[in-house]
């Protein structure tokens, strides 16, 4: 019976049926789903340096994964200036989508070119379809026709009766220097006349704290400006009262300089640094402190002024020292 079966398989009709079935099986993945590919340019004839768009449109099932493995880098003689890729489902038949690749190209070489076919791979589940775009022709022309005349030789420059340019520049520089010197001189001369009499450090700080309270920064929720002003008042008071340079010091510099302030209790030295560290994020990072903490620092400032205000004897000694300095 096996011999009969083998003979039946090698009959012409049976062999044709087997071949047809084999090719149908091999080509089945290629027709697993519909795939449409189109490539075009928006301008088939351009000039050197002009930009134009090259577009590839792939219509496939909406759930397909579409890839263009060869569409990377420059395209032959054309430089890819910009690349956009999007998936469009609006206006498409149900279950399908349009996948587009839009490249902006240009070149500085003239001639007739073909943008090579680009490989297109589409995958839906376990089915894969591979195909290619058609080549697209582009003609790149020169901007001249070759009949232009050569550039004429430049004639000798005409004589210029004006002064040399460097002399004008020199005059301008001298004028600027003169104006700067004049401004500095006038400022130095009249600056002292315009200055208002300065209050002593303690009185100035008390008045500044009073004005700060009247601005109602805390009631308005403006902790940043509140602590900016409070920190300035405290630093200026200590700088003038104890003759130490801390007004513009960073937090790191403040720690070092406060350690050497003579006459200020150690607790206040540490508190000045704590105020700077604690309120730095409030002033510059818009963070917030609790209301009780805000009240604490204002009351602390009042205590600092009261505990360190100069005694009448200190004021008398300072005035006498100032008079002695003025006489010398």
Protein backbone atom coordinates (compact mmCIF):
# COMPACT_ATOMS: atom_id res chain seq x y z
CA UNK A 1 0.00 0.00 0.00
CA UNK A 2 2.91 2.36 0.67
CA UNK A 3 4.15 1.84 -2.87
CA UNK A 4 0.75 2.80 -4.26
CA UNK A 5 0.68 5.92 -2.12
CA UNK A 6 4.14 7.05 -3.32
CA UNK A 7 3.17 6.57 -6.95
CA UNK A 8 0.02 8.63 -6.47
CA UNK A 9 2.05 11.50 -5.00
CA UNK A 10 4.29 11.74 -8.06
CA UNK A 11 1.44 12.01 -10.54
CA UNK A 12 1.50 15.38 -12.49
CA UNK A 13 -1.81 16.61 -11.07
CA UNK A 14 -0.75 15.91 -7.50
CA UNK A 15 2.62 17.61 -7.96
CA UNK A 16 0.98 20.77 -9.38
CA UNK A 17 -1.39 20.93 -6.44
CA UNK A 18 1.50 20.57 -3.99
CA UNK A 19 3.52 23.35 -5.67
CA UNK A 20 0.53 25.72 -5.62
CA UNK A 21 -0.09 24.97 -1.95
CA UNK A 22 3.60 25.58 -1.13
CA UNK A 23 3.72 29.02 -2.82
CA UNK A 24 0.39 29.99 -1.29
CA UNK A 25 1.82 29.18 2.14
CA UNK A 26 5.02 31.20 1.48
CA UNK A 27 3.19 34.27 0.26
CA UNK A 28 0.57 34.21 3.00
CA UNK A 29 2.42 36.70 5.31
CA UNK A 30 2.72 39.25 2.51
CA UNK A 31 -1.04 39.47 2.23
CA UNK A 32 -1.78 39.16 5.93
CA UNK A 33 -3.07 42.78 6.01
CA UNK A 34 -3.47 45.74 3.67
CA UNK A 35 -0.47 48.08 3.32
CA UNK A 36 -0.20 51.12 1.07
CA UNK A 37 3.06 53.08 0.61
CA UNK A 38 3.54 56.38 -1.21
CA UNK A 39 6.56 58.73 -1.44
CA UNK A 40 6.69 62.19 -3.00
CA UNK A 41 8.34 65.64 -2.83
CA UNK A 42 6.57 68.99 -2.73
CA UNK A 43 8.90 70.40 -5.41
CA UNK A 44 10.62 68.20 -7.99
CA UNK A 45 12.78 71.06 -9.35
CA UNK A 46 14.71 73.26 -6.94
CA UNK A 47 17.74 75.53 -6.92
CA UNK A 48 20.97 74.95 -5.02
CA UNK A 49 20.46 75.75 -1.34
CA UNK A 50 16.64 75.62 -1.52
CA UNK A 51 14.77 73.56 1.06
CA UNK A 52 12.02 71.16 0.04
CA UNK A 53 9.98 68.44 1.72
CA UNK A 54 10.18 64.70 1.09
CA UNK A 55 7.24 62.73 2.50
CA UNK A 56 6.54 59.03 2.93
CA UNK A 57 2.94 57.98 3.67
CA UNK A 58 2.12 54.48 4.87
CA UNK A 59 -1.50 53.37 5.23
CA UNK A 60 -1.81 50.33 7.49
CA UNK A 61 -3.98 48.88 10.27
CA UNK A 62 -4.27 51.22 13.24
CA UNK A 63 -2.51 48.76 15.57
CA UNK A 64 0.42 48.22 13.21
CA UNK A 65 4.01 49.01 14.16
CA UNK A 66 5.54 50.75 11.15
CA UNK A 67 9.27 51.33 10.82
CA UNK A 68 11.55 52.76 8.14
CA UNK A 69 14.95 51.21 9.02
CA UNK A 70 16.77 52.79 6.06
CA UNK A 71 15.29 56.29 6.59
CA UNK A 72 18.09 57.57 8.87
CA UNK A 73 20.80 60.17 8.36
CA UNK A 74 21.16 62.01 5.06
CA UNK A 75 19.58 60.76 1.84
CA UNK A 76 22.37 60.48 -0.71
CA UNK A 77 23.30 63.98 -1.92
CA UNK A 78 20.54 65.54 0.18
CA UNK A 79 21.07 66.75 3.74
CA UNK A 80 18.21 66.13 6.18
CA UNK A 81 17.62 69.44 8.00
CA UNK A 82 14.53 68.37 9.97
CA UNK A 83 12.50 65.17 10.42
CA UNK A 84 8.90 64.79 11.65
CA UNK A 85 6.91 61.59 12.17
CA UNK A 86 3.24 61.28 13.11
CA UNK A 87 0.34 58.86 13.12
CA UNK A 88 -3.02 60.09 11.78
CA UNK A 89 -6.33 58.34 12.44
CA UNK A 90 -8.73 61.25 11.93
CA UNK A 91 -10.54 61.01 8.61
CA UNK A 92 -9.24 57.48 7.97
CA UNK A 93 -11.42 54.37 7.52
CA UNK A 94 -12.19 52.61 10.76
CA UNK A 95 -9.34 50.40 11.92
CA UNK A 96 -6.73 52.04 9.68
CA UNK A 97 -4.21 54.83 10.19
CA UNK A 98 -1.81 56.89 8.12
CA UNK A 99 1.83 56.91 9.24
CA UNK A 100 3.81 59.83 7.78
CA UNK A 101 7.49 60.75 7.74
CA UNK A 102 8.23 64.32 6.60
CA UNK A 103 11.86 65.31 6.01
CA UNK A 104 13.08 68.79 5.07
CA UNK A 105 16.00 68.43 2.63
CA UNK A 106 18.47 70.64 0.80
CA UNK A 107 21.69 70.28 -1.18
CA UNK A 108 24.44 72.42 -2.63
CA UNK A 109 25.18 70.11 -5.56
CA UNK A 110 23.39 70.59 -8.90
CA UNK A 111 22.21 67.78 -11.15
CA UNK A 112 19.47 65.19 -11.62
CA UNK A 113 19.03 62.95 -8.59
CA UNK A 114 16.89 60.05 -7.45
CA UNK A 115 15.96 59.65 -3.80
CA UNK A 116 16.53 55.94 -3.32
CA UNK A 117 13.67 53.60 -2.37
CA UNK A 118 13.22 53.39 1.39
CA UNK A 119 12.49 50.10 3.14
CA UNK A 120 9.15 49.94 4.97
CA UNK A 121 8.42 47.31 7.64
CA UNK A 122 4.95 46.88 9.14
CA UNK A 123 4.16 44.46 11.97
CA UNK A 124 0.72 43.43 13.25
CA UNK A 125 0.92 40.76 15.90
CA UNK A 126 2.99 37.91 14.42
CA UNK A 127 2.51 39.09 10.82
CA UNK A 128 5.18 41.21 9.11
CA UNK A 129 5.02 42.92 5.74
CA UNK A 130 8.13 44.39 4.11
CA UNK A 131 8.08 46.63 1.05
CA UNK A 132 9.85 49.68 -0.46
CA UNK A 133 8.89 53.13 -1.63
CA UNK A 134 9.29 54.11 -5.27
CA UNK A 135 12.35 56.23 -6.13
CA UNK A 136 11.60 59.96 -6.37
CA UNK A 137 13.30 62.20 -8.97
CA UNK A 138 14.57 65.67 -8.02
CA UNK A 139 16.32 68.15 -10.32
CA UNK A 140 18.67 70.66 -8.65
CA UNK A 141 19.63 73.67 -10.80
CA UNK A 142 22.26 76.38 -10.45
CA UNK A 143 21.05 79.90 -9.76
CA UNK A 144 23.10 81.27 -12.70
CA UNK A 145 22.93 80.38 -16.39
CA UNK A 146 26.67 80.76 -17.07
CA UNK A 147 26.28 83.85 -19.25
CA UNK A 148 27.08 86.40 -16.58
CA UNK A 149 30.09 88.65 -17.11
CA UNK A 150 33.07 88.61 -14.80
CA UNK A 151 33.21 91.07 -11.96
CA UNK A 152 34.89 94.30 -13.03
CA UNK A 153 38.13 95.28 -11.38
CA UNK A 154 37.82 97.64 -8.48
CA UNK A 155 38.84 101.21 -9.25
CA UNK A 156 41.35 103.03 -7.10
CA UNK A 157 39.75 104.66 -4.07
CA UNK A 158 38.97 108.35 -4.31
CA UNK A 159 40.95 110.67 -2.12
CA UNK A 160 39.09 111.52 1.09
CA UNK A 161 39.62 115.06 2.40
CA UNK A 162 38.30 114.10 5.84
CA UNK A 163 40.49 113.26 8.82
CA UNK A 164 41.64 109.64 9.26
CA UNK A 165 39.10 107.39 10.93
CA UNK A 166 41.46 106.48 13.78
CA UNK A 167 41.62 110.14 14.71
CA UNK A 168 37.82 110.26 15.13
CA UNK A 169 38.02 107.18 17.35
CA UNK A 170 40.73 108.81 19.46
CA UNK A 171 38.61 111.95 19.90
CA UNK A 172 35.63 109.81 20.93
CA UNK A 173 37.65 107.90 23.53
CA UNK A 174 39.08 111.12 24.96
CA UNK A 175 35.57 112.59 25.14
CA UNK A 176 34.27 109.57 27.05
CA UNK A 177 37.19 109.71 29.49
CA UNK A 178 36.60 113.43 30.04
CA UNK A 179 32.89 112.88 30.73
CA UNK A 180 33.63 110.07 33.20
CA UNK A 181 36.14 112.23 35.05
CA UNK A 182 33.75 115.18 35.13
CA UNK A 183 30.94 112.99 36.48
CA UNK A 184 33.18 111.54 39.18
CA UNK A 185 34.39 115.01 40.19
CA UNK A 186 30.87 116.45 40.44
CA UNK A 187 29.62 113.43 42.37
CA UNK A 188 32.48 113.68 44.85
CA UNK A 189 31.92 117.42 45.23
CA UNK A 190 28.18 117.41 45.81
CA UNK A 191 27.62 113.95 47.36
CA UNK A 192 28.33 115.11 50.91
CA UNK A 193 26.06 118.12 50.51
CA UNK A 194 23.09 115.96 49.56
CA UNK A 195 23.48 113.44 52.36
CA UNK A 196 20.87 113.59 55.10
CA UNK A 197 22.07 113.55 58.71
CA UNK A 198 22.46 109.90 59.71
CA UNK A 199 20.77 108.60 62.86
CA UNK A 200 22.80 106.60 65.37
CA UNK A 201 22.66 102.81 64.78
CA UNK A 202 20.16 102.05 67.54
CA UNK A 203 17.70 104.83 66.65
CA UNK A 204 17.95 103.97 62.95
CA UNK A 205 17.23 100.26 63.58
CA UNK A 206 14.26 101.00 65.89
CA UNK A 207 12.72 103.29 63.26
CA UNK A 208 13.34 100.71 60.51
CA UNK A 209 11.60 97.95 62.52
CA UNK A 210 8.64 100.25 63.12
CA UNK A 211 8.33 100.96 59.39
CA UNK A 212 8.61 97.23 58.66
CA UNK A 213 5.69 96.46 60.97
CA UNK A 214 3.59 99.16 59.30
CA UNK A 215 4.03 97.50 55.89
CA UNK A 216 1.99 94.46 57.05
CA UNK A 217 4.03 91.99 54.99
CA UNK A 218 3.10 89.06 57.23
CA UNK A 219 -0.63 89.84 57.09
CA UNK A 220 -0.38 89.81 53.28
CA UNK A 221 1.51 86.51 53.31
CA UNK A 222 4.63 88.16 51.88
CA UNK A 223 7.27 86.45 54.01
CA UNK A 224 9.98 86.89 51.36
CA UNK A 225 10.04 90.71 51.52
CA UNK A 226 9.48 90.60 55.29
CA UNK A 227 12.59 88.55 56.04
CA UNK A 228 14.60 90.33 53.34
CA UNK A 229 13.96 93.63 55.16
CA UNK A 230 14.41 92.18 58.65
CA UNK A 231 17.75 90.60 57.75
CA UNK A 232 18.98 93.86 56.23
CA UNK A 233 17.97 95.88 59.32
CA UNK A 234 19.73 93.49 61.71
CA UNK A 235 22.91 93.26 59.63
CA UNK A 236 23.12 97.03 59.17
CA UNK A 237 22.61 97.62 62.88
CA UNK A 238 25.34 95.16 63.88
CA UNK A 239 27.67 96.48 61.18
CA UNK A 240 27.32 100.09 62.41
CA UNK A 241 27.04 99.32 66.12
CA UNK A 242 29.99 96.90 66.34
CA UNK A 243 31.98 98.08 63.29
CA UNK A 244 32.06 94.76 61.41
CA UNK A 245 31.58 94.23 57.66
CA UNK A 246 28.63 91.79 57.34
CA UNK A 247 26.00 93.65 55.28
CA UNK A 248 26.72 91.81 52.00
CA UNK A 249 28.33 88.68 53.48
CA UNK A 250 27.23 85.22 52.38
CA UNK A 251 26.05 82.75 55.01
CA UNK A 252 29.48 81.10 55.09
CA UNK A 253 31.23 84.47 55.44
CA UNK A 254 28.70 85.56 58.07
CA UNK A 255 29.57 82.59 60.30
CA UNK A 256 33.26 83.47 60.24
CA UNK A 257 32.83 87.21 60.77
CA UNK A 258 30.24 86.95 63.55
CA UNK A 259 32.66 84.84 65.58
CA UNK A 260 34.98 87.86 65.84
CA UNK A 261 32.42 90.55 66.74
CA UNK A 262 33.61 92.11 69.97
CA UNK A 263 31.02 93.18 72.54
CA UNK A 264 28.11 91.10 71.18
CA UNK A 265 26.90 88.22 73.40
CA UNK A 266 27.62 84.74 72.00
CA UNK A 267 23.91 83.81 71.93
CA UNK A 268 23.18 86.73 69.60
CA UNK A 269 26.16 85.86 67.38
CA UNK A 270 24.70 82.39 66.85
CA UNK A 271 21.15 83.72 66.41
CA UNK A 272 22.22 86.12 63.64
CA UNK A 273 23.62 83.16 61.68
CA UNK A 274 20.52 81.06 62.44
CA UNK A 275 18.29 83.86 61.11
CA UNK A 276 20.25 83.94 57.85
CA UNK A 277 20.19 80.14 57.41
CA UNK A 278 16.52 79.73 58.34
CA UNK A 279 15.20 82.56 56.16
CA UNK A 280 17.41 82.01 53.10
CA UNK A 281 14.88 79.57 51.49
CA UNK A 282 12.04 81.96 52.36
CA UNK A 283 13.70 84.92 50.63
CA UNK A 284 14.87 83.12 47.50
CA UNK A 285 12.90 79.84 47.19
CA UNK A 286 9.46 81.16 48.21
CA UNK A 287 9.20 78.74 51.14
CA UNK A 288 7.09 79.63 54.19
CA UNK A 289 7.74 79.64 57.93
CA UNK A 290 5.07 79.08 60.55
CA UNK A 291 3.41 82.20 61.95
CA UNK A 292 4.84 81.61 65.42
CA UNK A 293 8.34 81.51 63.98
CA UNK A 294 7.81 84.82 62.17
CA UNK A 295 6.64 86.45 65.41
CA UNK A 296 9.62 84.98 67.25
CA UNK A 297 12.12 86.64 64.92
CA UNK A 298 10.48 90.06 65.18
CA UNK A 299 10.49 89.84 68.99
CA UNK A 300 14.08 88.58 68.87
CA UNK A 301 15.07 91.67 66.86
CA UNK A 302 13.50 93.92 69.51
CA UNK A 303 15.43 92.13 72.27
CA UNK A 304 18.67 92.38 70.31
CA UNK A 305 18.35 96.15 70.00
CA UNK A 306 17.42 96.63 73.66
CA UNK A 307 20.16 94.33 74.96
CA UNK A 308 22.90 95.91 72.84
CA UNK A 309 21.93 99.57 72.68
CA UNK A 310 24.84 101.82 73.63
CA UNK A 311 24.94 103.28 77.11
CA UNK A 312 25.31 107.08 77.55
CA UNK A 313 28.96 106.56 78.53
CA UNK A 314 29.63 104.75 75.27
CA UNK A 315 28.03 107.55 73.26
CA UNK A 316 30.13 110.15 75.09
CA UNK A 317 33.36 108.24 74.39
CA UNK A 318 32.48 107.90 70.70
CA UNK A 319 31.76 111.61 70.35
CA UNK A 320 35.05 112.53 72.01
CA UNK A 321 36.93 110.09 69.78
CA UNK A 322 35.24 111.57 66.70
CA UNK A 323 36.20 115.11 67.76
CA UNK A 324 39.79 114.07 68.32
CA UNK A 325 39.93 112.46 64.89
CA UNK A 326 38.49 115.59 63.26
CA UNK A 327 41.11 117.82 64.92
CA UNK A 328 43.96 115.61 63.74
